[in-house]
N, C-alpha and C. Protein backbone atom coordinates (compact mmCIF):
# COMPACT_ATOMS: atom_id res chain seq x y z
N UNK A 1 11.22 101.85 215.36
CA UNK A 1 11.55 100.94 214.77
C UNK A 1 11.42 101.00 213.36
N UNK A 2 12.34 100.23 212.83
CA UNK A 2 12.83 100.52 211.26
C UNK A 2 11.36 99.96 210.51
N UNK A 3 11.35 100.42 209.11
CA UNK A 3 10.31 99.93 208.56
C UNK A 3 10.70 98.72 207.83
N UNK A 4 9.78 97.77 207.55
CA UNK A 4 9.85 96.59 206.66
C UNK A 4 10.05 96.90 205.30
N UNK A 5 10.51 95.96 204.74
CA UNK A 5 10.79 96.08 203.00
C UNK A 5 9.46 96.48 202.64
N UNK A 6 8.42 95.44 202.85
CA UNK A 6 7.14 95.80 202.15
C UNK A 6 6.53 97.21 202.49
N UNK A 7 6.82 97.67 203.56
CA UNK A 7 6.33 98.94 204.16
C UNK A 7 6.87 100.16 203.38
N UNK A 8 8.08 99.87 202.98
CA UNK A 8 8.71 101.00 202.23
C UNK A 8 8.55 100.85 200.80
N UNK A 9 7.92 99.81 200.29
CA UNK A 9 7.62 99.61 198.62
C UNK A 9 6.34 100.31 198.36
N UNK A 10 6.31 100.98 197.44
CA UNK A 10 5.35 101.54 197.07
C UNK A 10 4.52 100.69 195.94
N UNK A 11 3.20 100.88 195.69
CA UNK A 11 2.45 100.17 194.80
C UNK A 11 2.22 98.50 195.03
N UNK A 12 2.30 98.15 196.32
CA UNK A 12 2.29 96.92 196.70
C UNK A 12 0.79 96.53 196.86
N UNK A 13 0.31 95.24 196.10
CA UNK A 13 -1.12 94.72 196.14
C UNK A 13 -1.12 94.29 197.75
N UNK A 14 -2.43 94.04 197.98
CA UNK A 14 -2.78 93.25 199.24
C UNK A 14 -2.09 91.83 199.22
N UNK A 15 -2.14 91.40 197.99
CA UNK A 15 -1.45 89.96 197.87
C UNK A 15 0.14 89.79 198.23
N UNK A 16 0.81 91.04 197.61
CA UNK A 16 1.99 91.17 197.76
C UNK A 16 2.43 91.31 199.30
N UNK A 17 1.56 92.16 199.76
CA UNK A 17 1.92 92.47 201.34
C UNK A 17 1.82 91.05 202.16
N UNK A 18 0.84 90.24 201.92
CA UNK A 18 0.55 89.10 202.34
C UNK A 18 1.74 87.90 202.11
N UNK A 19 2.34 87.90 201.04
CA UNK A 19 3.59 87.44 200.44
C UNK A 19 4.79 87.76 201.53
N UNK A 20 5.01 89.20 201.84
CA UNK A 20 6.10 89.48 202.64
C UNK A 20 5.94 89.26 204.08
N UNK A 21 4.55 89.25 204.57
CA UNK A 21 4.30 89.05 205.83
C UNK A 21 4.10 87.71 206.31
N UNK A 22 3.72 86.74 205.67
CA UNK A 22 3.59 85.45 206.19
C UNK A 22 4.45 84.37 205.38
N UNK A 23 4.76 83.15 205.90
CA UNK A 23 5.26 81.99 205.34
C UNK A 23 4.44 80.98 205.67
N UNK A 24 4.48 80.02 205.10
CA UNK A 24 3.61 78.74 205.15
C UNK A 24 4.15 78.07 206.34
N UNK A 25 5.53 77.86 206.55
CA UNK A 25 5.94 77.05 207.65
C UNK A 25 7.25 77.80 207.92
N UNK A 26 7.58 78.50 209.09
CA UNK A 26 8.43 79.11 209.42
C UNK A 26 9.75 78.35 209.70
N UNK A 27 9.61 77.01 209.84
CA UNK A 27 10.68 76.46 210.21
C UNK A 27 11.39 75.77 208.95
N UNK A 28 10.91 76.18 207.83
CA UNK A 28 11.37 75.68 206.37
C UNK A 28 12.15 76.89 205.74
N UNK A 29 12.94 76.52 204.86
CA UNK A 29 13.23 77.40 203.60
C UNK A 29 12.35 77.80 202.94
N UNK A 30 12.42 79.02 202.23
CA UNK A 30 11.31 79.38 201.09
C UNK A 30 11.64 80.36 200.25
N UNK A 31 10.98 80.35 198.97
CA UNK A 31 11.67 81.43 198.16
C UNK A 31 10.58 81.62 197.09
N UNK A 32 10.55 82.92 196.76
CA UNK A 32 9.47 83.45 195.68
C UNK A 32 9.90 84.56 195.03
N UNK A 33 9.20 84.83 193.87
CA UNK A 33 9.33 86.14 193.03
C UNK A 33 8.08 86.90 193.25
N UNK A 34 8.57 88.31 193.19
CA UNK A 34 7.42 89.05 193.32
C UNK A 34 7.74 90.17 192.32
N UNK A 35 6.65 90.39 191.64
CA UNK A 35 6.65 91.48 190.38
C UNK A 35 5.75 92.62 190.96
N UNK A 36 6.19 93.79 190.90
CA UNK A 36 5.51 95.11 191.30
C UNK A 36 4.83 95.65 190.32
N UNK A 37 3.82 96.27 190.57
CA UNK A 37 2.97 97.00 189.47
C UNK A 37 3.86 98.16 188.70
N UNK A 38 4.98 98.64 189.31
CA UNK A 38 5.81 99.37 188.50
C UNK A 38 6.64 98.68 187.52
N UNK A 39 6.76 97.49 187.60
CA UNK A 39 7.49 96.77 186.68
C UNK A 39 8.93 95.83 187.35
N UNK A 40 9.17 96.38 188.55
CA UNK A 40 10.46 96.00 189.27
C UNK A 40 10.11 94.22 189.63
N UNK A 41 11.18 93.64 189.83
CA UNK A 41 10.66 92.33 190.07
C UNK A 41 11.86 91.77 191.08
N UNK A 42 11.64 91.03 192.35
CA UNK A 42 12.29 90.56 193.39
C UNK A 42 12.15 89.56 193.54
N UNK A 43 13.30 88.81 193.75
CA UNK A 43 13.54 87.43 194.43
C UNK A 43 13.62 87.38 195.94
N UNK A 44 12.80 86.51 196.58
CA UNK A 44 12.99 86.51 197.91
C UNK A 44 13.41 85.09 198.40
N UNK A 45 14.44 85.13 199.34
CA UNK A 45 14.65 83.75 200.05
C UNK A 45 14.67 83.91 201.23
N UNK A 46 14.02 83.03 202.17
CA UNK A 46 14.00 82.99 203.64
C UNK A 46 14.37 81.78 204.04
N UNK A 47 15.12 81.67 205.42
CA UNK A 47 15.25 80.60 205.92
C UNK A 47 15.39 80.90 207.69
N UNK A 48 15.11 79.88 208.31
CA UNK A 48 15.20 80.27 209.77
C UNK A 48 16.52 80.40 210.32
N UNK A 49 16.54 81.23 211.22
CA UNK A 49 17.90 81.50 211.83
C UNK A 49 17.96 80.44 213.06
N UNK A 50 19.03 79.70 213.21
CA UNK A 50 18.90 78.82 214.40
C UNK A 50 20.19 79.05 215.39
N UNK A 51 19.99 78.92 216.52
CA UNK A 51 21.18 78.63 217.53
C UNK A 51 20.91 77.35 218.30
N UNK A 52 21.72 76.51 217.99
CA UNK A 52 21.82 74.97 218.37
C UNK A 52 20.59 74.43 217.45
N UNK A 53 19.43 74.20 218.26
CA UNK A 53 18.41 73.59 217.35
C UNK A 53 17.04 74.37 217.60
N UNK A 54 17.24 75.73 218.18
CA UNK A 54 16.31 76.47 218.52
C UNK A 54 16.27 77.50 217.43
N UNK A 55 15.18 77.79 216.84
CA UNK A 55 14.73 78.97 215.75
C UNK A 55 14.75 80.21 216.65
N UNK A 56 15.64 81.21 216.39
CA UNK A 56 15.76 82.62 217.13
C UNK A 56 15.34 83.68 216.15
N UNK A 57 15.08 83.37 214.92
CA UNK A 57 14.79 84.31 213.88
C UNK A 57 14.45 83.78 212.54
N UNK A 58 14.51 84.78 211.66
CA UNK A 58 14.47 84.38 210.14
C UNK A 58 15.41 85.14 209.38
N UNK A 59 15.99 84.62 208.38
CA UNK A 59 17.03 85.49 207.57
C UNK A 59 16.23 85.60 206.26
N UNK A 60 16.29 86.86 205.74
CA UNK A 60 15.34 87.11 204.68
C UNK A 60 16.73 87.61 203.63
N UNK A 61 16.70 87.09 202.60
CA UNK A 61 17.54 87.61 201.44
C UNK A 61 16.56 88.14 200.21
N UNK A 62 16.79 89.27 199.70
CA UNK A 62 16.01 90.08 198.59
C UNK A 62 16.86 90.58 197.77
N UNK A 63 16.64 90.10 196.44
CA UNK A 63 17.39 90.53 195.54
C UNK A 63 16.62 91.17 194.42
N UNK A 64 17.26 92.30 193.85
CA UNK A 64 16.36 93.00 192.79
C UNK A 64 16.79 92.39 191.40
N UNK A 65 15.92 91.49 190.79
CA UNK A 65 16.26 90.72 189.47
C UNK A 65 15.56 91.49 188.31
N UNK A 66 15.17 92.56 188.28
CA UNK A 66 14.60 93.43 187.35
C UNK A 66 15.27 93.16 185.92
N UNK A 67 16.74 93.53 186.07
CA UNK A 67 17.49 93.66 184.88
C UNK A 67 17.50 92.36 184.34
N UNK A 68 17.73 90.97 185.21
CA UNK A 68 17.77 89.69 184.65
C UNK A 68 16.56 89.51 184.04
N UNK A 69 15.29 89.59 184.59
CA UNK A 69 14.00 89.33 183.85
C UNK A 69 13.74 90.06 182.60
N UNK A 70 14.39 91.39 182.67
CA UNK A 70 13.97 92.06 181.32
C UNK A 70 14.92 91.54 180.41
N UNK A 71 16.22 91.14 180.55
CA UNK A 71 17.19 90.24 179.79
C UNK A 71 16.39 89.25 179.26
N UNK A 72 16.00 88.45 180.19
CA UNK A 72 15.25 87.27 179.76
C UNK A 72 14.11 87.39 178.59
N UNK A 73 13.43 88.51 178.88
CA UNK A 73 12.40 88.60 178.09
C UNK A 73 12.74 89.18 176.69
N UNK A 74 13.68 90.24 176.75
CA UNK A 74 14.36 90.53 175.56
C UNK A 74 14.99 89.25 174.75
N UNK A 75 15.83 88.37 175.40
CA UNK A 75 16.31 87.24 174.63
C UNK A 75 15.19 86.37 174.18
N UNK A 76 14.15 86.00 174.98
CA UNK A 76 12.79 85.53 174.34
C UNK A 76 12.25 86.14 173.24
N UNK A 77 12.36 87.45 173.36
CA UNK A 77 11.44 88.45 172.20
C UNK A 77 12.41 88.04 171.04
N UNK A 78 13.83 88.09 171.07
CA UNK A 78 14.65 87.94 170.08
C UNK A 78 14.53 86.76 169.46
N UNK A 79 14.23 85.67 170.28
CA UNK A 79 14.28 84.11 169.78
C UNK A 79 12.95 84.09 169.02
N UNK A 80 11.92 84.61 169.44
CA UNK A 80 10.61 84.47 168.93
C UNK A 80 10.52 85.13 167.54
N UNK A 81 11.38 86.36 167.55
CA UNK A 81 11.45 87.39 166.19
C UNK A 81 12.17 86.41 165.22
N UNK A 82 13.50 85.71 165.54
CA UNK A 82 13.96 84.98 164.75
C UNK A 82 13.25 83.91 164.22
N UNK A 83 12.46 83.16 165.08
CA UNK A 83 11.52 81.98 164.66
C UNK A 83 10.64 82.70 163.63
N UNK A 84 10.14 83.89 163.81
CA UNK A 84 9.00 84.41 163.17
C UNK A 84 9.52 84.84 161.76
N UNK A 85 10.81 85.17 161.71
CA UNK A 85 11.48 85.56 160.60
C UNK A 85 11.76 84.22 159.81
N UNK A 86 12.15 83.15 160.37
CA UNK A 86 12.51 82.04 159.67
C UNK A 86 11.08 81.29 159.09
N UNK A 87 10.25 81.71 159.82
CA UNK A 87 8.72 81.10 159.23
C UNK A 87 8.38 81.96 158.09
N UNK A 88 8.52 83.18 158.26
CA UNK A 88 8.15 84.05 157.08
C UNK A 88 8.96 83.71 155.96
N UNK A 89 10.46 83.27 155.99
CA UNK A 89 11.39 83.12 155.09
C UNK A 89 10.81 82.05 154.29
N UNK A 90 10.59 80.73 155.09
CA UNK A 90 10.02 79.69 154.71
C UNK A 90 8.63 79.57 153.84
N UNK A 91 7.81 80.56 154.40
CA UNK A 91 6.44 80.96 153.68
C UNK A 91 6.88 81.48 152.50
N UNK A 92 7.60 82.37 152.48
CA UNK A 92 8.16 83.44 151.39
C UNK A 92 8.53 82.20 150.08
N UNK A 93 9.58 81.33 150.58
CA UNK A 93 10.17 80.41 149.73
C UNK A 93 9.19 79.32 148.94
N UNK A 94 7.99 79.14 150.08
CA UNK A 94 6.78 78.24 149.52
C UNK A 94 5.94 78.95 148.48
N UNK A 95 5.87 80.28 148.72
CA UNK A 95 5.17 81.13 147.80
C UNK A 95 5.88 81.44 146.41
N UNK A 96 7.08 81.56 146.55
CA UNK A 96 7.79 81.68 145.24
C UNK A 96 7.93 80.31 144.54
N UNK A 97 8.00 79.29 145.23
CA UNK A 97 7.92 77.59 144.62
C UNK A 97 6.64 77.62 144.18
N UNK A 98 5.50 78.10 144.59
CA UNK A 98 4.07 77.87 144.13
C UNK A 98 4.03 78.65 143.07
N UNK A 99 4.67 80.04 142.81
CA UNK A 99 4.51 80.65 141.64
C UNK A 99 5.47 80.01 140.56
N UNK A 100 6.50 79.55 140.89
CA UNK A 100 7.32 78.88 139.84
C UNK A 100 6.58 77.81 139.33
N UNK A 101 6.13 76.90 139.97
CA UNK A 101 5.06 75.65 139.50
C UNK A 101 4.06 76.24 138.78
N UNK A 102 3.47 77.38 139.11
CA UNK A 102 2.33 77.82 138.44
C UNK A 102 2.76 78.38 137.03
N UNK A 103 3.92 78.83 137.10
CA UNK A 103 4.35 79.30 135.66
C UNK A 103 4.68 78.20 134.83
N UNK A 104 5.29 77.30 135.64
CA UNK A 104 5.76 75.80 134.69
C UNK A 104 4.36 75.15 134.13
N UNK A 105 3.46 75.26 134.83
CA UNK A 105 2.36 74.52 134.51
C UNK A 105 1.55 75.51 133.37
N UNK A 106 1.76 76.78 133.29
CA UNK A 106 1.17 77.69 132.35
C UNK A 106 1.77 77.64 131.04
N UNK A 107 3.15 77.44 131.27
CA UNK A 107 4.03 77.36 130.04
C UNK A 107 3.69 75.75 129.45
N UNK A 108 3.64 74.74 130.34
CA UNK A 108 3.48 73.61 129.69
C UNK A 108 1.78 73.49 129.02
N UNK A 109 0.92 74.18 129.79
CA UNK A 109 -0.43 74.11 128.73
C UNK A 109 -0.45 75.01 127.78
N UNK A 110 0.40 75.92 127.76
CA UNK A 110 0.51 76.81 126.51
C UNK A 110 1.38 75.95 125.20
N UNK A 111 2.39 75.11 125.64
CA UNK A 111 2.92 74.41 124.60
C UNK A 111 2.01 73.28 124.19
N UNK A 112 1.24 72.63 125.10
CA UNK A 112 0.29 71.47 124.64
C UNK A 112 -0.67 72.16 123.62
N UNK A 113 -1.19 73.40 124.18
CA UNK A 113 -2.24 74.11 123.21
C UNK A 113 -1.66 74.23 121.90
N UNK A 114 -0.53 74.87 121.88
CA UNK A 114 0.20 74.97 120.51
C UNK A 114 0.20 73.64 119.59
N UNK A 115 0.68 72.70 120.44
CA UNK A 115 0.81 71.32 119.73
C UNK A 115 -0.57 70.96 119.08
N UNK A 116 -1.68 71.03 119.91
CA UNK A 116 -2.92 70.64 119.59
C UNK A 116 -3.28 71.44 118.40
N UNK A 117 -3.12 72.69 118.58
CA UNK A 117 -3.62 73.51 117.21
C UNK A 117 -2.97 73.28 116.16
N UNK A 118 -1.66 72.95 116.07
CA UNK A 118 -0.81 72.57 114.91
C UNK A 118 -1.62 71.45 114.33
N UNK A 119 -1.84 70.54 115.08
CA UNK A 119 -2.58 69.31 114.29
C UNK A 119 -3.88 69.52 113.74
N UNK A 120 -4.61 70.31 114.90
CA UNK A 120 -5.96 70.79 114.31
C UNK A 120 -5.99 71.59 112.96
N UNK A 121 -4.76 72.43 112.88
CA UNK A 121 -4.88 73.08 111.75
C UNK A 121 -4.67 72.33 110.27
N UNK A 122 -3.77 71.45 110.59
CA UNK A 122 -3.30 70.45 109.45
C UNK A 122 -4.94 69.80 109.19
N UNK A 123 -5.49 69.29 110.19
CA UNK A 123 -6.97 68.62 110.14
C UNK A 123 -7.86 69.58 109.15
N UNK A 124 -7.77 70.92 109.65
CA UNK A 124 -8.71 71.61 109.04
C UNK A 124 -8.41 72.30 107.66
N UNK A 125 -7.18 72.42 107.56
CA UNK A 125 -6.79 72.95 106.13
C UNK A 125 -7.12 71.64 105.21
N UNK A 126 -6.63 70.33 105.52
CA UNK A 126 -6.73 69.49 104.65
C UNK A 126 -8.30 69.30 104.24
N UNK A 127 -9.03 69.37 105.40
CA UNK A 127 -10.48 69.13 105.20
C UNK A 127 -11.13 70.30 104.31
N UNK A 128 -10.79 71.42 104.48
CA UNK A 128 -11.27 72.60 103.72
C UNK A 128 -10.93 72.46 102.10
N UNK A 129 -9.80 72.07 102.09
CA UNK A 129 -9.10 71.77 100.64
C UNK A 129 -10.01 70.60 99.79
N UNK A 130 -10.29 69.75 100.68
CA UNK A 130 -11.04 68.44 100.09
C UNK A 130 -12.49 69.05 99.83
N UNK A 131 -13.07 69.80 100.83
CA UNK A 131 -14.30 70.28 100.50
C UNK A 131 -14.34 71.11 99.14
N UNK A 132 -13.46 72.05 98.97
CA UNK A 132 -13.62 72.91 97.75
C UNK A 132 -13.14 72.27 96.50
N UNK A 133 -12.50 71.07 96.83
CA UNK A 133 -12.08 70.39 95.48
C UNK A 133 -12.59 69.21 95.37
N UNK A 134 -13.84 68.81 96.10
CA UNK A 134 -14.63 67.62 96.11
C UNK A 134 -14.73 66.87 94.75
N UNK A 135 -15.33 67.74 93.73
CA UNK A 135 -15.76 67.36 92.69
C UNK A 135 -14.89 67.42 91.52
N UNK A 136 -13.63 68.45 91.70
CA UNK A 136 -12.70 68.64 90.77
C UNK A 136 -11.44 67.65 90.52
N UNK A 137 -11.32 66.94 91.86
CA UNK A 137 -10.10 66.21 92.10
C UNK A 137 -10.49 64.64 91.90
N UNK A 138 -9.50 63.54 91.75
CA UNK A 138 -9.73 62.38 91.57
C UNK A 138 -9.33 61.80 92.85
N UNK A 139 -9.74 60.64 93.11
CA UNK A 139 -9.43 60.10 94.33
C UNK A 139 -7.69 59.84 94.75
N UNK A 140 -7.10 59.78 93.61
CA UNK A 140 -5.58 59.69 93.89
C UNK A 140 -5.18 61.14 94.50
N UNK A 141 -5.74 62.30 93.80
CA UNK A 141 -5.40 63.66 94.23
C UNK A 141 -5.82 64.00 95.56
N UNK A 142 -6.85 63.15 96.23
CA UNK A 142 -7.45 63.50 97.50
C UNK A 142 -6.91 62.63 98.47
N UNK A 143 -6.04 61.60 98.14
CA UNK A 143 -5.50 60.79 99.32
C UNK A 143 -4.45 61.46 99.91
N UNK A 144 -3.44 62.47 99.62
CA UNK A 144 -2.46 63.08 100.36
C UNK A 144 -3.16 63.98 101.35
N UNK A 145 -4.40 64.44 101.20
CA UNK A 145 -5.07 65.03 102.16
C UNK A 145 -5.68 64.39 103.12
N UNK A 146 -6.22 63.38 102.85
CA UNK A 146 -6.77 62.18 103.68
C UNK A 146 -5.74 61.76 104.88
N UNK A 147 -4.45 61.42 104.06
CA UNK A 147 -3.39 61.01 104.91
C UNK A 147 -3.11 61.93 105.96
N UNK A 148 -3.14 63.32 105.49
CA UNK A 148 -2.68 64.48 106.39
C UNK A 148 -3.55 64.37 107.56
N UNK A 149 -4.80 64.26 107.32
CA UNK A 149 -5.79 64.16 108.34
C UNK A 149 -5.71 63.03 109.10
N UNK A 150 -5.71 61.71 108.61
CA UNK A 150 -5.38 60.66 109.33
C UNK A 150 -4.41 60.82 110.26
N UNK A 151 -2.97 61.09 109.84
CA UNK A 151 -1.94 61.33 110.54
C UNK A 151 -1.84 62.27 111.69
N UNK A 152 -2.44 63.58 111.43
CA UNK A 152 -2.70 64.59 112.33
C UNK A 152 -3.67 64.01 113.45
N UNK A 153 -4.74 63.24 113.18
CA UNK A 153 -5.53 62.71 114.33
C UNK A 153 -4.85 61.70 115.04
N UNK A 154 -4.08 60.74 114.56
CA UNK A 154 -3.21 59.70 115.21
C UNK A 154 -2.11 60.48 116.15
N UNK A 155 -1.62 61.66 115.78
CA UNK A 155 -0.65 62.30 116.44
C UNK A 155 -1.32 62.76 117.67
N UNK A 156 -2.49 63.49 117.69
CA UNK A 156 -3.16 64.05 118.79
C UNK A 156 -3.39 62.82 119.49
N UNK A 157 -3.75 61.78 119.16
CA UNK A 157 -4.20 60.34 119.99
C UNK A 157 -3.15 60.35 120.81
N UNK A 158 -1.95 60.18 120.06
CA UNK A 158 -0.70 59.55 120.70
C UNK A 158 -0.22 60.40 121.75
N UNK A 159 -0.46 61.89 121.31
CA UNK A 159 -0.03 62.97 122.47
C UNK A 159 -0.68 62.92 123.52
N UNK A 160 -2.22 62.79 123.44
CA UNK A 160 -3.14 62.47 124.59
C UNK A 160 -2.67 61.43 125.25
N UNK A 161 -2.43 60.08 124.79
CA UNK A 161 -2.00 58.86 125.46
C UNK A 161 -0.87 58.97 126.30
N UNK A 162 0.11 59.68 125.69
CA UNK A 162 1.49 59.66 126.51
C UNK A 162 1.32 60.83 127.59
N UNK A 163 0.55 62.03 127.19
CA UNK A 163 0.40 62.95 128.30
C UNK A 163 -0.50 62.33 129.57
N UNK A 164 -1.64 61.53 129.16
CA UNK A 164 -2.52 60.83 130.27
C UNK A 164 -1.71 60.00 130.95
N UNK A 165 -0.79 59.05 130.30
CA UNK A 165 0.00 58.01 131.08
C UNK A 165 0.95 58.92 132.06
N UNK A 166 1.72 59.86 131.44
CA UNK A 166 2.62 60.52 132.38
C UNK A 166 1.76 61.10 133.51
N UNK A 167 0.77 61.64 133.43
CA UNK A 167 -0.04 62.30 134.57
C UNK A 167 -0.30 61.46 135.41
N UNK A 168 -0.93 60.06 135.11
CA UNK A 168 -1.35 58.97 135.87
C UNK A 168 -0.10 58.25 136.66
N UNK A 169 1.03 58.41 135.95
CA UNK A 169 2.32 57.69 136.55
C UNK A 169 2.67 58.79 137.84
N UNK A 170 2.47 60.13 137.56
CA UNK A 170 2.81 61.09 138.63
C UNK A 170 1.85 60.95 139.80
N UNK A 171 0.62 60.68 139.49
CA UNK A 171 -0.28 60.80 140.48
C UNK A 171 -0.36 59.34 141.34
N UNK A 172 -0.16 58.44 140.73
CA UNK A 172 0.19 57.12 141.38
C UNK A 172 1.63 57.25 142.23
N UNK A 173 2.71 57.55 141.68
CA UNK A 173 3.70 57.89 142.54
C UNK A 173 3.48 58.85 143.62
N UNK A 174 2.80 59.78 143.43
CA UNK A 174 2.46 60.84 144.49
C UNK A 174 3.54 61.68 144.47
N UNK A 175 4.31 61.71 143.51
CA UNK A 175 5.53 62.53 143.38
C UNK A 175 5.56 63.34 142.13
N UNK A 176 4.92 64.61 142.18
CA UNK A 176 4.93 65.35 141.09
C UNK A 176 6.07 66.43 141.25
N UNK A 177 7.04 66.25 140.39
CA UNK A 177 8.27 66.89 140.18
C UNK A 177 8.28 67.49 138.58
N UNK A 178 7.74 68.66 138.47
CA UNK A 178 7.74 69.03 137.20
C UNK A 178 9.03 69.40 136.59
N UNK A 179 9.21 68.93 135.47
CA UNK A 179 10.45 69.27 134.77
C UNK A 179 10.02 69.79 133.22
N UNK A 180 11.13 70.54 132.90
CA UNK A 180 10.80 70.87 131.25
C UNK A 180 11.10 69.87 130.51
N UNK A 181 10.09 69.54 129.41
CA UNK A 181 10.29 68.63 128.62
C UNK A 181 10.16 69.26 127.21
N UNK A 182 10.74 68.71 126.13
CA UNK A 182 10.52 69.49 124.67
C UNK A 182 9.30 68.30 124.32
N UNK A 183 8.31 69.02 124.01
CA UNK A 183 6.96 68.02 123.38
C UNK A 183 7.31 67.66 121.91
N UNK A 184 8.13 68.42 121.16
CA UNK A 184 8.43 67.94 119.84
C UNK A 184 9.09 66.37 119.97
N UNK A 185 9.82 66.21 121.04
CA UNK A 185 10.40 64.90 121.24
C UNK A 185 9.40 63.95 122.12
N UNK A 186 8.73 64.57 122.91
CA UNK A 186 7.56 63.64 123.40
C UNK A 186 6.63 63.18 122.47
N UNK A 187 6.14 63.90 121.54
CA UNK A 187 5.14 63.32 120.56
C UNK A 187 5.96 63.07 119.30
N UNK A 188 5.98 62.02 118.68
CA UNK A 188 6.34 61.90 117.46
C UNK A 188 5.73 62.79 116.34
N UNK A 189 6.15 63.55 115.90
CA UNK A 189 5.41 64.38 114.87
C UNK A 189 6.08 63.95 113.33
């Protein structure tokens, strides 16, 4: 008597043997996939063999679909790798954009600090000149220094007001799109 397929196949588990030995309903067509421990994959199709209306046997078709399954796995692996690369590229772009925004923020703050320092230097210089010459100069001679101090204070206030208005507008809009701007034109000096 010839060996059955499952008897000639090595490494079959008891579940796999049961798969080949039984079918839930021998009067119906059935199909299954069997993956062996050694990596081979088989598709099984079975249907009853009939003569007139009587079932006289069962026809089994078995295909080795190992290569097809391997190609499907490789294709899926390539697709996953492409998606992963795309995500990595998107993440890289996001990191680069965050770096650019950080650099813009740093430049903006640096420029703002410079502007404030300029106005504060005028105030400090004028104040120190007034202190040194408080008794020597007349009110008319002191007036330009006091005007410089007042102008610098007003310019700092205007610059802060414009800056706070701009920041509040961007926060209300919810749309922070940093652009370069020339602070000299932004604050009337």
